[in-house]
Protein backbone atom coordinates (compact mmCIF):
# COMPACT_ATOMS: atom_id res chain seq x y z
CA MET A 1 14.56 32.08 -43.20
CA LYS A 2 11.41 30.45 -41.79
CA LEU A 3 12.22 26.96 -43.04
CA ARG A 4 14.52 25.96 -40.18
CA PRO A 5 11.99 26.66 -37.37
CA LEU A 6 9.31 24.79 -39.31
CA LEU A 7 11.58 21.79 -39.76
CA VAL A 8 12.53 21.81 -36.08
CA GLY A 9 8.83 21.93 -35.12
CA ALA A 10 8.02 19.07 -37.46
CA VAL A 11 10.81 16.93 -36.03
CA CYS A 12 9.59 17.63 -32.49
CA LEU A 13 6.02 16.67 -33.41
CA LEU A 14 7.19 13.45 -35.03
CA ALA A 15 9.32 12.61 -32.03
CA SER A 16 6.50 13.25 -29.57
CA GLY A 17 4.12 11.22 -31.71
CA ALA A 18 6.57 8.32 -31.80
CA ALA A 19 7.00 8.47 -28.05
CA ALA A 20 3.23 8.52 -27.52
CA ALA A 21 2.77 5.54 -29.82
CA ASP A 22 5.14 3.56 -27.60
CA GLY A 23 3.66 4.81 -24.33
CA PRO A 24 1.44 2.96 -21.84
CA GLY A 25 -2.03 2.09 -23.04
CA GLN A 26 -1.48 2.69 -26.73
CA ASP A 27 -2.61 -0.90 -27.35
CA GLY A 28 -5.63 -0.51 -25.07
CA VAL A 29 -4.13 -2.50 -22.19
CA LEU A 30 -3.65 -1.32 -18.61
CA ARG A 31 -0.70 -3.30 -17.27
CA VAL A 32 -0.40 -3.19 -13.50
CA CYS A 33 2.36 -4.46 -11.23
CA GLN A 34 1.02 -6.16 -8.08
CA ASP A 35 1.93 -8.58 -5.31
CA PRO A 36 0.24 -11.99 -5.69
CA ASN A 37 -0.01 -12.65 -1.94
CA ASN A 38 -0.49 -9.46 0.04
CA LEU A 39 -4.10 -9.18 1.19
CA PRO A 40 -5.92 -6.91 1.67
CA LEU A 41 -3.90 -4.97 -0.91
CA SER A 42 -3.64 -7.49 -3.74
CA SER A 43 -3.70 -11.19 -4.50
CA HIS A 44 -3.43 -13.51 -7.48
CA ALA A 45 -7.13 -14.29 -6.96
CA LEU A 46 -7.90 -10.56 -7.49
CA ALA A 47 -9.37 -10.36 -3.99
CA GLY A 48 -7.56 -7.23 -2.77
CA PHE A 49 -8.65 -3.61 -2.84
CA GLU A 50 -5.79 -2.64 -5.17
CA ASN A 51 -7.04 -5.34 -7.56
CA ARG A 52 -10.52 -3.81 -7.50
CA ILE A 53 -9.27 -0.26 -7.91
CA ALA A 54 -7.11 -1.31 -10.88
CA ALA A 55 -10.19 -2.96 -12.43
CA LEU A 56 -12.14 0.27 -11.88
CA LEU A 57 -9.46 2.29 -13.69
CA ALA A 58 -9.37 -0.18 -16.58
CA ASP A 59 -13.16 0.04 -16.90
CA GLU A 60 -13.03 3.84 -16.93
CA LEU A 61 -10.35 3.74 -19.63
CA HIS A 62 -12.17 1.01 -21.59
CA TRP A 63 -8.90 -0.91 -21.64
CA LYS A 64 -8.12 -4.56 -21.00
CA LEU A 65 -6.48 -5.22 -17.62
CA GLU A 66 -3.31 -7.33 -17.36
CA HIS A 67 -1.15 -8.12 -14.32
CA THR A 68 2.52 -8.68 -13.68
CA TRP A 69 2.88 -10.51 -10.37
CA TYR A 70 5.92 -10.11 -8.15
CA PRO A 71 6.28 -10.09 -4.33
CA GLN A 72 6.45 -6.48 -3.14
CA ARG A 73 9.87 -6.82 -1.58
CA MET A 74 13.42 -5.85 -2.51
CA GLY A 75 13.70 -5.60 -6.28
CA PHE A 76 9.99 -5.10 -6.90
CA ILE A 77 10.35 -2.00 -9.11
CA ARG A 78 13.39 -3.41 -10.89
CA ASN A 79 11.53 -6.61 -11.77
CA THR A 80 8.22 -5.01 -12.73
CA LEU A 81 7.95 -1.34 -13.67
CA ARG A 82 11.51 -1.13 -15.02
CA ALA A 83 11.71 -4.62 -16.52
CA LYS A 84 11.10 -5.35 -20.20
CA VAL A 85 9.50 -8.43 -21.67
CA GLU A 86 12.25 -10.67 -22.97
CA HIS A 87 13.26 -9.99 -26.59
CA THR A 88 11.01 -6.91 -26.80
CA GLU A 89 11.11 -3.22 -25.97
CA ARG A 90 7.81 -3.37 -24.07
CA TYR A 91 7.84 -3.04 -20.31
CA LYS A 92 6.23 -5.79 -18.27
CA CYS A 93 3.85 -3.33 -16.62
CA ASP A 94 3.18 0.39 -16.44
CA LEU A 95 1.41 1.11 -13.14
CA VAL A 96 2.22 0.24 -9.52
CA THR A 97 -1.01 0.54 -7.57
CA GLY A 98 0.33 1.39 -4.11
CA VAL A 99 3.42 3.38 -3.06
CA PRO A 100 4.00 6.01 -0.37
CA LYS A 101 3.64 9.64 -1.41
CA GLY A 102 7.09 10.91 -2.35
CA PHE A 103 8.33 7.48 -3.47
CA ASP A 104 11.54 8.27 -5.33
CA MET A 105 12.03 5.19 -7.52
CA ALA A 106 9.21 6.25 -9.85
CA ALA A 107 6.93 9.18 -10.67
CA THR A 108 3.93 9.24 -8.36
CA THR A 109 0.31 10.21 -8.91
CA ARG A 110 -1.82 12.23 -6.54
CA PRO A 111 -2.45 10.29 -3.30
CA TYR A 112 -5.71 8.36 -3.45
CA TYR A 113 -6.00 7.50 0.23
CA ARG A 114 -4.47 8.28 3.59
CA SER A 115 -4.39 5.77 6.41
CA THR A 116 -2.55 5.17 9.66
CA TYR A 117 -0.91 2.41 11.64
CA ALA A 118 -3.14 0.57 14.07
CA MET A 119 -2.97 -1.69 17.09
CA ALA A 120 -5.00 -4.88 17.25
CA TYR A 121 -5.92 -7.15 20.15
CA VAL A 122 -8.33 -9.98 20.94
CA LYS A 123 -11.56 -8.96 22.64
CA GLY A 124 -12.26 -10.22 26.12
CA LYS A 125 -8.64 -10.55 27.26
CA GLY A 126 -8.32 -7.45 29.41
CA LEU A 127 -7.67 -4.82 26.75
CA ASP A 128 -11.21 -3.95 25.67
CA GLY A 129 -11.04 -0.43 27.08
CA VAL A 130 -7.74 0.42 25.41
CA GLN A 131 -8.31 2.98 22.65
CA GLY A 132 -4.74 3.89 21.74
CA LEU A 133 -1.16 4.02 22.93
CA ASP A 134 -2.03 6.16 25.95
CA GLY A 135 -4.47 3.44 26.97
CA LEU A 136 -1.66 0.90 27.01
CA LEU A 137 0.44 3.19 29.18
CA ALA A 138 -2.52 3.67 31.54
CA LEU A 139 -2.59 -0.04 32.37
CA ASP A 140 -1.09 -0.92 35.73
CA ALA A 141 2.60 -1.74 35.47
CA GLY A 142 2.11 -5.41 36.30
CA SER A 143 -0.43 -5.95 33.53
CA ARG A 144 1.65 -4.02 31.01
CA ARG A 145 4.78 -6.04 31.76
CA LYS A 146 2.93 -9.24 30.89
CA LEU A 147 1.96 -8.08 27.41
CA ARG A 148 3.68 -9.50 24.35
CA PHE A 149 3.78 -7.11 21.41
CA GLY A 150 4.11 -7.95 17.73
CA ALA A 151 5.64 -5.32 15.45
CA PHE A 152 7.41 -5.07 12.12
CA ALA A 153 11.06 -4.14 12.38
CA GLY A 154 11.58 -0.54 11.29
CA SER A 155 7.92 0.45 11.58
CA PRO A 156 7.00 3.83 13.14
CA VAL A 157 5.86 2.19 16.38
CA THR A 158 9.46 1.12 17.10
CA ASP A 159 10.31 4.57 18.49
CA TRP A 160 7.32 4.50 20.82
CA LEU A 161 8.24 1.05 22.15
CA LEU A 162 11.81 2.23 22.73
CA ARG A 163 10.71 5.40 24.52
CA HIS A 164 8.64 3.46 27.01
CA GLY A 165 11.04 0.61 27.72
CA LEU A 166 8.97 -2.08 26.06
CA MET A 167 11.49 -3.44 23.57
CA GLU A 168 12.17 -6.62 25.55
CA GLN A 169 8.49 -7.56 25.23
CA VAL A 170 8.43 -7.37 21.42
CA GLU A 171 8.22 -10.24 18.96
CA TRP A 172 9.75 -8.75 15.81
CA TYR A 173 8.45 -9.51 12.32
CA ARG A 174 9.97 -8.80 8.92
CA SER A 175 7.81 -7.17 6.26
CA GLN A 176 10.14 -8.32 3.49
CA THR A 177 11.22 -11.95 3.65
CA GLY A 178 12.54 -14.37 1.11
CA ASP A 179 9.42 -16.52 1.38
CA ALA A 180 6.78 -15.55 -1.19
CA GLU A 181 4.18 -17.55 0.75
CA GLN A 182 4.46 -15.30 3.79
CA TYR A 183 2.28 -12.19 4.08
CA PRO A 184 2.14 -9.33 6.62
CA GLY A 185 -1.33 -10.22 7.85
CA GLU A 186 -0.10 -13.51 9.35
CA MET A 187 0.90 -11.63 12.51
CA ILE A 188 -2.77 -10.84 13.18
CA GLU A 189 -4.57 -13.73 11.51
CA LYS A 190 -2.37 -16.41 13.11
CA ASP A 191 -0.18 -15.21 15.98
CA LEU A 192 -2.55 -12.69 17.55
CA ALA A 193 -5.59 -14.93 17.16
CA SER A 194 -3.75 -17.91 18.68
CA GLY A 195 -2.45 -15.93 21.67
CA LYS A 196 1.24 -16.01 20.74
CA ILE A 197 1.17 -12.20 21.04
CA ASP A 198 -1.27 -9.94 22.88
CA VAL A 199 -1.05 -6.73 20.84
CA ALA A 200 -0.14 -6.42 17.16
CA PHE A 201 1.01 -3.18 15.54
CA ALA A 202 0.53 -3.06 11.77
CA TRP A 203 -0.30 -0.79 8.84
CA GLY A 204 -3.97 0.18 9.25
CA PRO A 205 -5.34 -1.49 6.11
CA ILE A 206 -3.76 -4.79 7.16
CA ALA A 207 -4.92 -4.52 10.77
CA GLY A 208 -8.45 -3.47 9.79
CA TYR A 209 -8.90 -6.22 7.23
CA PHE A 210 -7.63 -9.13 9.32
CA ALA A 211 -9.42 -7.91 12.43
CA ARG A 212 -12.64 -7.97 10.42
CA ASN A 213 -12.01 -11.33 8.77
CA ALA A 214 -10.06 -13.36 11.34
CA GLN A 215 -11.72 -16.70 12.04
CA GLY A 216 -9.77 -17.79 15.12
CA ALA A 217 -10.78 -15.04 17.56
CA PRO A 218 -12.75 -11.77 17.81
CA ILE A 219 -10.22 -9.03 17.07
CA VAL A 220 -10.53 -5.27 17.29
CA ALA A 221 -8.26 -2.81 15.44
CA VAL A 222 -7.66 0.67 16.87
CA PRO A 223 -6.15 3.34 14.54
CA LEU A 224 -3.18 5.20 16.02
CA ALA A 225 -3.10 9.00 16.06
CA SER A 226 0.11 10.76 15.08
CA THR A 227 1.68 13.00 17.73
CA PRO A 228 4.62 15.41 17.60
CA GLY A 229 7.66 13.28 16.90
CA LEU A 230 5.63 10.16 16.12
CA LYS A 231 4.08 9.94 12.67
CA PHE A 232 1.79 7.00 12.06
CA ASP A 233 -0.31 8.22 9.10
CA PHE A 234 0.81 8.17 5.47
CA GLU A 235 -0.65 9.03 2.07
CA ILE A 236 -0.63 6.35 -0.63
CA ALA A 237 -0.32 7.06 -4.36
CA MET A 238 0.27 5.08 -7.54
CA ALA A 239 3.50 5.08 -9.54
CA VAL A 240 4.56 5.14 -13.19
CA ARG A 241 7.96 5.34 -14.81
CA HIS A 242 9.76 8.64 -14.85
CA GLY A 243 9.06 10.10 -18.27
CA ASP A 244 5.53 8.69 -18.67
CA GLU A 245 4.09 12.09 -17.79
CA ALA A 246 1.02 11.97 -20.03
CA PHE A 247 0.06 8.57 -18.57
CA ARG A 248 0.63 9.83 -15.02
CA ARG A 249 -1.68 12.79 -15.65
CA ARG A 250 -4.34 10.48 -17.08
CA ILE A 251 -4.24 8.25 -14.00
CA ASP A 252 -4.31 11.37 -11.80
CA ALA A 253 -7.50 12.52 -13.47
CA LEU A 254 -9.12 9.10 -13.03
CA LEU A 255 -8.21 8.94 -9.35
CA GLU A 256 -9.72 12.36 -8.77
CA ALA A 257 -12.89 11.66 -10.76
CA ASN A 258 -13.46 8.30 -9.03
CA GLY A 259 -12.56 9.31 -5.50
CA ALA A 260 -15.96 8.38 -4.04
CA LYS A 261 -15.92 4.93 -5.67
CA ILE A 262 -12.37 4.30 -4.46
CA ASP A 263 -13.27 5.34 -0.90
CA ALA A 264 -16.22 2.93 -0.98
CA ILE A 265 -13.92 0.07 -2.00
CA LEU A 266 -11.45 0.91 0.78
CA ARG A 267 -14.19 1.05 3.41
CA ARG A 268 -15.49 -2.37 2.38
CA TYR A 269 -12.04 -3.73 3.26
CA GLY A 270 -11.95 -2.10 6.69
CA VAL A 271 -9.27 0.45 5.78
CA PRO A 272 -9.11 3.22 8.43
CA LEU A 273 -9.31 6.37 6.30
CA LEU A 274 -8.12 9.85 7.15
CA PRO A 275 -8.77 13.00 5.07
CA LEU A 276 -6.21 13.57 2.35
CA GLN A 277 -3.86 16.49 3.00
CA PRO A 278 -4.67 19.66 1.03
């Protein structure tokens, strides 16, 4: 009478063992999916903060680190996290190092940082006292009408620009283009620095990094505060495949244990950090 439950238990143990043997990291390799040209997040030269955080995780695991490079645009998950190496059953990579909290195309870890959109402008051109969106509105109407804004289509700042009748002054940028050589930071590093636009609105890590490192002009980045009806801050997590629950929990534990080290990396890149939500 007891044989059947024992057999069922044995089959379950064997099945779980087989699944674990095929899971991420069983060969001692942390395979990450990253964009090769998206500073300050990641680059093929391993110069981004996601590159450094991935290296930190690999060191903590005592695993070798390998990369699958693909532009973080349409099809990114399909061509990385969900794609298998040709003629094998092994996936190309197992960990995406930056996705919004609640990302539904994969299973997400705990958020490891929270940042906000920012505005950037060149110092010494009449905007030095502006410390946020209210500061722009406080400018006299004549000065405000002369401003040229740069913004990514579909970004949270679009609603604010629409509310205040500024849409005709906007130079629109696309965050996802077909050109792998383009990168979001060009708006600040090139167009803002050269004077093509006067104010750039971008994701805080991008604005903070290129404001700090731009060579063409002195640039300041001002983080934007969320207000009722206008959300500018977001929490960022990592992502694994649905079903890789043990691996997700392991990455979760590493992110929690190395929070201080991760924050230090982010600050070195000029990322405007906000406290994580409880």
